[in-house]
């Protein structure tokens, strides 16, 4: 979360999915203002989490689509542009998830 905040991501939320049927334990959802920022956050998160012993299993999406997903197994990171975050509204879809942390 700190890494995303350092890259000026906005409205960062950590959701705990462990109490509901899900394919992962945690979601981190955040908003970036520009495609270059989406890519910078994705690259830094992949590098930093790998250094902490959590290698990335899979990546989906492209910055120019306004959405990138980084799958670390028990943690899935969603980096959205503003319009895409509103469109997909993951927090509503996963409303039974417990929000553990939010950084505005």
N, C-alpha and C. Protein backbone atom coordinates (compact mmCIF):
# COMPACT_ATOMS: atom_id res chain seq x y z
N UNK A 1 0.83 -1.18 0.00
CA UNK A 1 0.00 0.00 0.00
C UNK A 1 0.88 1.26 0.00
N UNK A 2 1.96 1.21 0.76
CA UNK A 2 2.86 2.36 0.83
C UNK A 2 3.50 2.63 -0.53
N UNK A 3 3.88 1.57 -1.22
CA UNK A 3 4.49 1.72 -2.54
C UNK A 3 3.53 2.42 -3.51
N UNK A 4 2.27 2.00 -3.51
CA UNK A 4 1.28 2.62 -4.38
C UNK A 4 1.07 4.09 -4.00
N UNK A 5 1.03 4.34 -2.73
CA UNK A 5 0.87 5.72 -2.26
C UNK A 5 2.07 6.58 -2.67
N UNK A 6 3.26 6.01 -2.59
CA UNK A 6 4.46 6.73 -2.99
C UNK A 6 4.42 7.09 -4.48
N UNK A 7 3.76 6.26 -5.29
CA UNK A 7 3.62 6.52 -6.73
C UNK A 7 2.37 7.36 -7.03
N UNK A 8 1.79 7.94 -5.99
CA UNK A 8 0.65 8.84 -6.08
C UNK A 8 -0.64 8.18 -6.57
N UNK A 9 -0.79 6.88 -6.32
CA UNK A 9 -2.07 6.23 -6.57
C UNK A 9 -3.09 6.83 -5.60
N UNK A 10 -4.35 6.81 -5.99
CA UNK A 10 -5.40 7.41 -5.17
C UNK A 10 -6.41 6.33 -4.76
N UNK A 11 -7.13 6.62 -3.69
CA UNK A 11 -8.22 5.77 -3.21
C UNK A 11 -7.80 4.29 -3.19
N UNK A 12 -6.77 4.01 -2.42
CA UNK A 12 -6.22 2.66 -2.30
C UNK A 12 -6.99 1.93 -1.21
N UNK A 13 -7.45 0.73 -1.54
CA UNK A 13 -8.19 -0.06 -0.55
C UNK A 13 -7.66 -1.49 -0.55
N UNK A 14 -7.56 -2.06 0.65
CA UNK A 14 -7.17 -3.45 0.84
C UNK A 14 -8.41 -4.20 1.33
N UNK A 15 -8.85 -5.18 0.54
CA UNK A 15 -10.03 -5.97 0.89
C UNK A 15 -9.62 -7.38 1.30
N UNK A 16 -10.19 -7.86 2.40
CA UNK A 16 -9.96 -9.21 2.88
C UNK A 16 -11.08 -10.11 2.34
N UNK A 17 -10.73 -11.05 1.48
CA UNK A 17 -11.70 -11.95 0.86
C UNK A 17 -11.72 -13.32 1.51
N UNK A 18 -10.97 -13.52 2.59
CA UNK A 18 -10.84 -14.85 3.17
C UNK A 18 -12.13 -15.43 3.71
N UNK A 19 -13.08 -14.62 4.09
CA UNK A 19 -14.33 -15.12 4.65
C UNK A 19 -15.39 -15.48 3.63
N UNK A 20 -15.09 -15.29 2.36
CA UNK A 20 -16.07 -15.57 1.31
C UNK A 20 -15.40 -16.43 0.23
N UNK A 21 -16.18 -17.18 -0.51
CA UNK A 21 -15.57 -17.98 -1.58
C UNK A 21 -14.92 -17.05 -2.62
N UNK A 22 -13.63 -17.22 -2.79
CA UNK A 22 -12.88 -16.37 -3.72
C UNK A 22 -11.65 -17.12 -4.18
N UNK A 23 -11.05 -16.64 -5.23
CA UNK A 23 -9.86 -17.26 -5.81
C UNK A 23 -8.56 -16.70 -5.21
N UNK A 24 -8.68 -15.77 -4.29
CA UNK A 24 -7.52 -15.17 -3.64
C UNK A 24 -7.92 -14.75 -2.23
N UNK A 25 -6.95 -14.36 -1.43
CA UNK A 25 -7.23 -13.93 -0.06
C UNK A 25 -7.45 -12.43 0.06
N UNK A 26 -6.74 -11.66 -0.75
CA UNK A 26 -6.80 -10.21 -0.63
C UNK A 26 -6.82 -9.55 -2.00
N UNK A 27 -7.53 -8.44 -2.09
CA UNK A 27 -7.49 -7.53 -3.23
C UNK A 27 -6.89 -6.22 -2.75
N UNK A 28 -6.05 -5.62 -3.56
CA UNK A 28 -5.68 -4.23 -3.41
C UNK A 28 -6.21 -3.55 -4.66
N UNK A 29 -7.00 -2.52 -4.47
CA UNK A 29 -7.60 -1.77 -5.57
C UNK A 29 -7.15 -0.32 -5.44
N UNK A 30 -6.75 0.26 -6.57
CA UNK A 30 -6.29 1.65 -6.53
C UNK A 30 -6.59 2.34 -7.86
N UNK A 31 -6.51 3.65 -7.84
CA UNK A 31 -6.75 4.46 -9.03
C UNK A 31 -5.49 5.24 -9.37
N UNK A 32 -5.18 5.27 -10.66
CA UNK A 32 -4.07 6.07 -11.17
C UNK A 32 -4.63 7.07 -12.17
N UNK A 33 -3.96 8.20 -12.30
CA UNK A 33 -4.48 9.27 -13.16
C UNK A 33 -4.11 9.11 -14.63
N UNK A 34 -3.04 8.38 -14.92
CA UNK A 34 -2.56 8.30 -16.31
C UNK A 34 -2.01 6.91 -16.60
N UNK A 35 -1.96 6.57 -17.88
CA UNK A 35 -1.45 5.26 -18.29
C UNK A 35 0.00 5.05 -17.84
N UNK A 36 0.81 6.07 -17.94
CA UNK A 36 2.21 5.95 -17.51
C UNK A 36 2.30 5.67 -16.02
N UNK A 37 1.41 6.26 -15.27
CA UNK A 37 1.38 6.02 -13.82
C UNK A 37 0.95 4.58 -13.53
N UNK A 38 -0.04 4.06 -14.27
CA UNK A 38 -0.47 2.67 -14.10
C UNK A 38 0.73 1.75 -14.30
N UNK A 39 1.48 1.96 -15.38
CA UNK A 39 2.63 1.10 -15.67
C UNK A 39 3.71 1.24 -14.61
N UNK A 40 3.99 2.45 -14.16
CA UNK A 40 5.02 2.66 -13.14
C UNK A 40 4.65 1.94 -11.84
N UNK A 41 3.39 2.04 -11.45
CA UNK A 41 2.94 1.36 -10.23
C UNK A 41 3.05 -0.15 -10.40
N UNK A 42 2.61 -0.66 -11.55
CA UNK A 42 2.65 -2.11 -11.80
C UNK A 42 4.09 -2.62 -11.75
N UNK A 43 4.99 -1.94 -12.40
CA UNK A 43 6.39 -2.37 -12.42
C UNK A 43 7.00 -2.35 -11.03
N UNK A 44 6.77 -1.27 -10.30
CA UNK A 44 7.34 -1.15 -8.96
C UNK A 44 6.75 -2.17 -7.99
N UNK A 45 5.46 -2.42 -8.10
CA UNK A 45 4.84 -3.40 -7.21
C UNK A 45 5.38 -4.80 -7.50
N UNK A 46 5.49 -5.16 -8.77
CA UNK A 46 6.00 -6.47 -9.14
C UNK A 46 7.43 -6.65 -8.62
N UNK A 47 8.26 -5.65 -8.81
CA UNK A 47 9.65 -5.71 -8.36
C UNK A 47 9.75 -5.78 -6.84
N UNK A 48 9.04 -4.92 -6.15
CA UNK A 48 9.12 -4.85 -4.69
C UNK A 48 8.56 -6.11 -4.03
N UNK A 49 7.43 -6.60 -4.52
CA UNK A 49 6.84 -7.80 -3.91
C UNK A 49 7.71 -9.03 -4.19
N UNK A 50 8.34 -9.08 -5.34
CA UNK A 50 9.26 -10.19 -5.64
C UNK A 50 10.43 -10.16 -4.66
N UNK A 51 10.96 -8.97 -4.39
CA UNK A 51 12.07 -8.84 -3.44
C UNK A 51 11.65 -9.26 -2.04
N UNK A 52 10.36 -9.13 -1.73
CA UNK A 52 9.85 -9.55 -0.42
C UNK A 52 9.43 -11.02 -0.41
N UNK A 53 9.72 -11.74 -1.50
CA UNK A 53 9.43 -13.16 -1.55
C UNK A 53 8.07 -13.53 -2.08
N UNK A 54 7.41 -12.59 -2.75
CA UNK A 54 6.08 -12.84 -3.30
C UNK A 54 6.13 -12.59 -4.81
N UNK A 55 6.59 -13.58 -5.58
CA UNK A 55 6.69 -13.38 -7.03
C UNK A 55 5.32 -13.33 -7.71
N UNK A 56 5.25 -12.59 -8.79
CA UNK A 56 4.01 -12.46 -9.54
C UNK A 56 3.78 -13.72 -10.38
N UNK A 57 2.55 -14.24 -10.32
CA UNK A 57 2.19 -15.42 -11.10
C UNK A 57 1.66 -15.04 -12.48
N UNK A 58 0.98 -13.90 -12.55
CA UNK A 58 0.29 -13.56 -13.79
C UNK A 58 0.00 -12.07 -13.83
N UNK A 59 0.01 -11.53 -15.03
CA UNK A 59 -0.37 -10.13 -15.24
C UNK A 59 -1.37 -10.08 -16.38
N UNK A 60 -2.40 -9.26 -16.21
CA UNK A 60 -3.41 -9.05 -17.25
C UNK A 60 -3.60 -7.56 -17.46
N UNK A 61 -4.09 -7.21 -18.64
CA UNK A 61 -4.41 -5.83 -18.95
C UNK A 61 -3.18 -5.03 -19.36
N UNK A 62 -3.47 -3.87 -19.92
CA UNK A 62 -2.43 -2.95 -20.38
C UNK A 62 -2.76 -1.55 -19.87
N UNK A 63 -1.73 -0.75 -19.59
CA UNK A 63 -2.01 0.60 -19.12
C UNK A 63 -2.94 1.40 -20.04
N UNK A 64 -2.80 1.23 -21.36
CA UNK A 64 -3.66 2.01 -22.26
C UNK A 64 -5.11 1.55 -22.25
N UNK A 65 -5.40 0.41 -21.62
CA UNK A 65 -6.80 -0.02 -21.44
C UNK A 65 -7.39 0.57 -20.17
N UNK A 66 -6.53 1.15 -19.33
CA UNK A 66 -7.00 1.74 -18.08
C UNK A 66 -7.11 0.74 -16.94
N UNK A 67 -6.52 -0.45 -17.10
CA UNK A 67 -6.60 -1.45 -16.05
C UNK A 67 -5.46 -2.45 -16.19
N UNK A 68 -4.78 -2.70 -15.08
CA UNK A 68 -3.77 -3.75 -15.00
C UNK A 68 -4.03 -4.55 -13.74
N UNK A 69 -3.98 -5.88 -13.89
CA UNK A 69 -4.15 -6.80 -12.77
C UNK A 69 -2.83 -7.53 -12.57
N UNK A 70 -2.37 -7.59 -11.32
CA UNK A 70 -1.17 -8.32 -10.95
C UNK A 70 -1.59 -9.41 -9.97
N UNK A 71 -1.33 -10.66 -10.33
CA UNK A 71 -1.74 -11.80 -9.51
C UNK A 71 -0.52 -12.37 -8.80
N UNK A 72 -0.53 -12.27 -7.48
CA UNK A 72 0.54 -12.80 -6.65
C UNK A 72 0.08 -14.02 -5.86
N UNK A 73 -0.96 -14.68 -6.32
CA UNK A 73 -1.50 -15.84 -5.63
C UNK A 73 -2.52 -15.40 -4.59
N UNK A 74 -2.09 -15.27 -3.36
CA UNK A 74 -2.99 -14.86 -2.27
C UNK A 74 -3.33 -13.38 -2.28
N UNK A 75 -2.69 -12.63 -3.17
CA UNK A 75 -2.91 -11.19 -3.28
C UNK A 75 -3.07 -10.84 -4.75
N UNK A 76 -4.15 -10.14 -5.07
CA UNK A 76 -4.38 -9.65 -6.44
C UNK A 76 -4.48 -8.13 -6.37
N UNK A 77 -3.69 -7.47 -7.21
CA UNK A 77 -3.64 -6.02 -7.24
C UNK A 77 -4.33 -5.54 -8.52
N UNK A 78 -5.27 -4.61 -8.36
CA UNK A 78 -5.96 -3.99 -9.49
C UNK A 78 -5.56 -2.53 -9.53
N UNK A 79 -5.00 -2.11 -10.66
CA UNK A 79 -4.62 -0.71 -10.86
C UNK A 79 -5.50 -0.18 -11.99
N UNK A 80 -6.38 0.73 -11.65
CA UNK A 80 -7.38 1.25 -12.58
C UNK A 80 -7.14 2.71 -12.92
N UNK A 81 -7.55 3.11 -14.11
CA UNK A 81 -7.79 4.50 -14.41
C UNK A 81 -9.12 4.87 -13.75
N UNK A 82 -9.41 6.14 -13.63
CA UNK A 82 -10.63 6.56 -12.92
C UNK A 82 -11.90 6.01 -13.55
N UNK A 83 -12.05 6.12 -14.86
CA UNK A 83 -13.28 5.66 -15.53
C UNK A 83 -13.45 4.15 -15.41
N UNK A 84 -12.36 3.40 -15.54
CA UNK A 84 -12.46 1.95 -15.46
C UNK A 84 -12.78 1.48 -14.03
N UNK A 85 -12.25 2.18 -13.04
CA UNK A 85 -12.58 1.80 -11.66
C UNK A 85 -14.06 1.98 -11.39
N UNK A 86 -14.60 3.08 -11.87
CA UNK A 86 -16.03 3.33 -11.70
C UNK A 86 -16.85 2.31 -12.48
N UNK A 87 -16.44 1.99 -13.68
CA UNK A 87 -17.16 1.05 -14.52
C UNK A 87 -17.21 -0.35 -13.89
N UNK A 88 -16.06 -0.88 -13.47
CA UNK A 88 -16.00 -2.24 -12.94
C UNK A 88 -16.47 -2.35 -11.49
N UNK A 89 -16.34 -1.30 -10.72
CA UNK A 89 -16.88 -1.20 -9.37
C UNK A 89 -16.67 -2.48 -8.55
N UNK A 90 -15.42 -2.92 -8.44
CA UNK A 90 -15.11 -4.16 -7.73
C UNK A 90 -15.53 -4.14 -6.27
N UNK A 91 -15.49 -2.99 -5.66
CA UNK A 91 -15.88 -2.91 -4.25
C UNK A 91 -17.37 -3.24 -4.07
N UNK A 92 -18.20 -2.91 -5.05
CA UNK A 92 -19.61 -3.28 -4.98
C UNK A 92 -19.78 -4.77 -5.26
N UNK A 93 -19.06 -5.26 -6.27
CA UNK A 93 -19.15 -6.68 -6.61
C UNK A 93 -18.70 -7.55 -5.44
N UNK A 94 -17.65 -7.15 -4.76
CA UNK A 94 -17.11 -7.90 -3.63
C UNK A 94 -17.52 -7.22 -2.32
N UNK A 95 -18.74 -6.77 -2.22
CA UNK A 95 -19.18 -6.00 -1.05
C UNK A 95 -19.14 -6.80 0.25
N UNK A 96 -19.11 -8.12 0.17
CA UNK A 96 -19.01 -8.93 1.39
C UNK A 96 -17.58 -9.00 1.92
N UNK A 97 -16.62 -8.54 1.14
CA UNK A 97 -15.23 -8.51 1.58
C UNK A 97 -15.07 -7.46 2.68
N UNK A 98 -14.15 -7.71 3.58
CA UNK A 98 -13.91 -6.79 4.70
C UNK A 98 -12.81 -5.81 4.30
N UNK A 99 -13.12 -4.49 4.29
CA UNK A 99 -12.07 -3.51 4.02
C UNK A 99 -11.13 -3.42 5.22
N UNK A 100 -9.86 -3.69 5.01
CA UNK A 100 -8.89 -3.65 6.10
C UNK A 100 -8.20 -2.30 6.20
N UNK A 101 -8.04 -1.64 5.07
CA UNK A 101 -7.32 -0.38 5.04
C UNK A 101 -7.76 0.42 3.83
N UNK A 102 -7.87 1.74 4.01
CA UNK A 102 -8.17 2.62 2.88
C UNK A 102 -7.28 3.85 3.02
N UNK A 103 -6.63 4.20 1.92
CA UNK A 103 -5.79 5.40 1.86
C UNK A 103 -6.38 6.28 0.78
N UNK A 104 -6.86 7.44 1.16
CA UNK A 104 -7.48 8.36 0.21
C UNK A 104 -6.44 9.12 -0.48
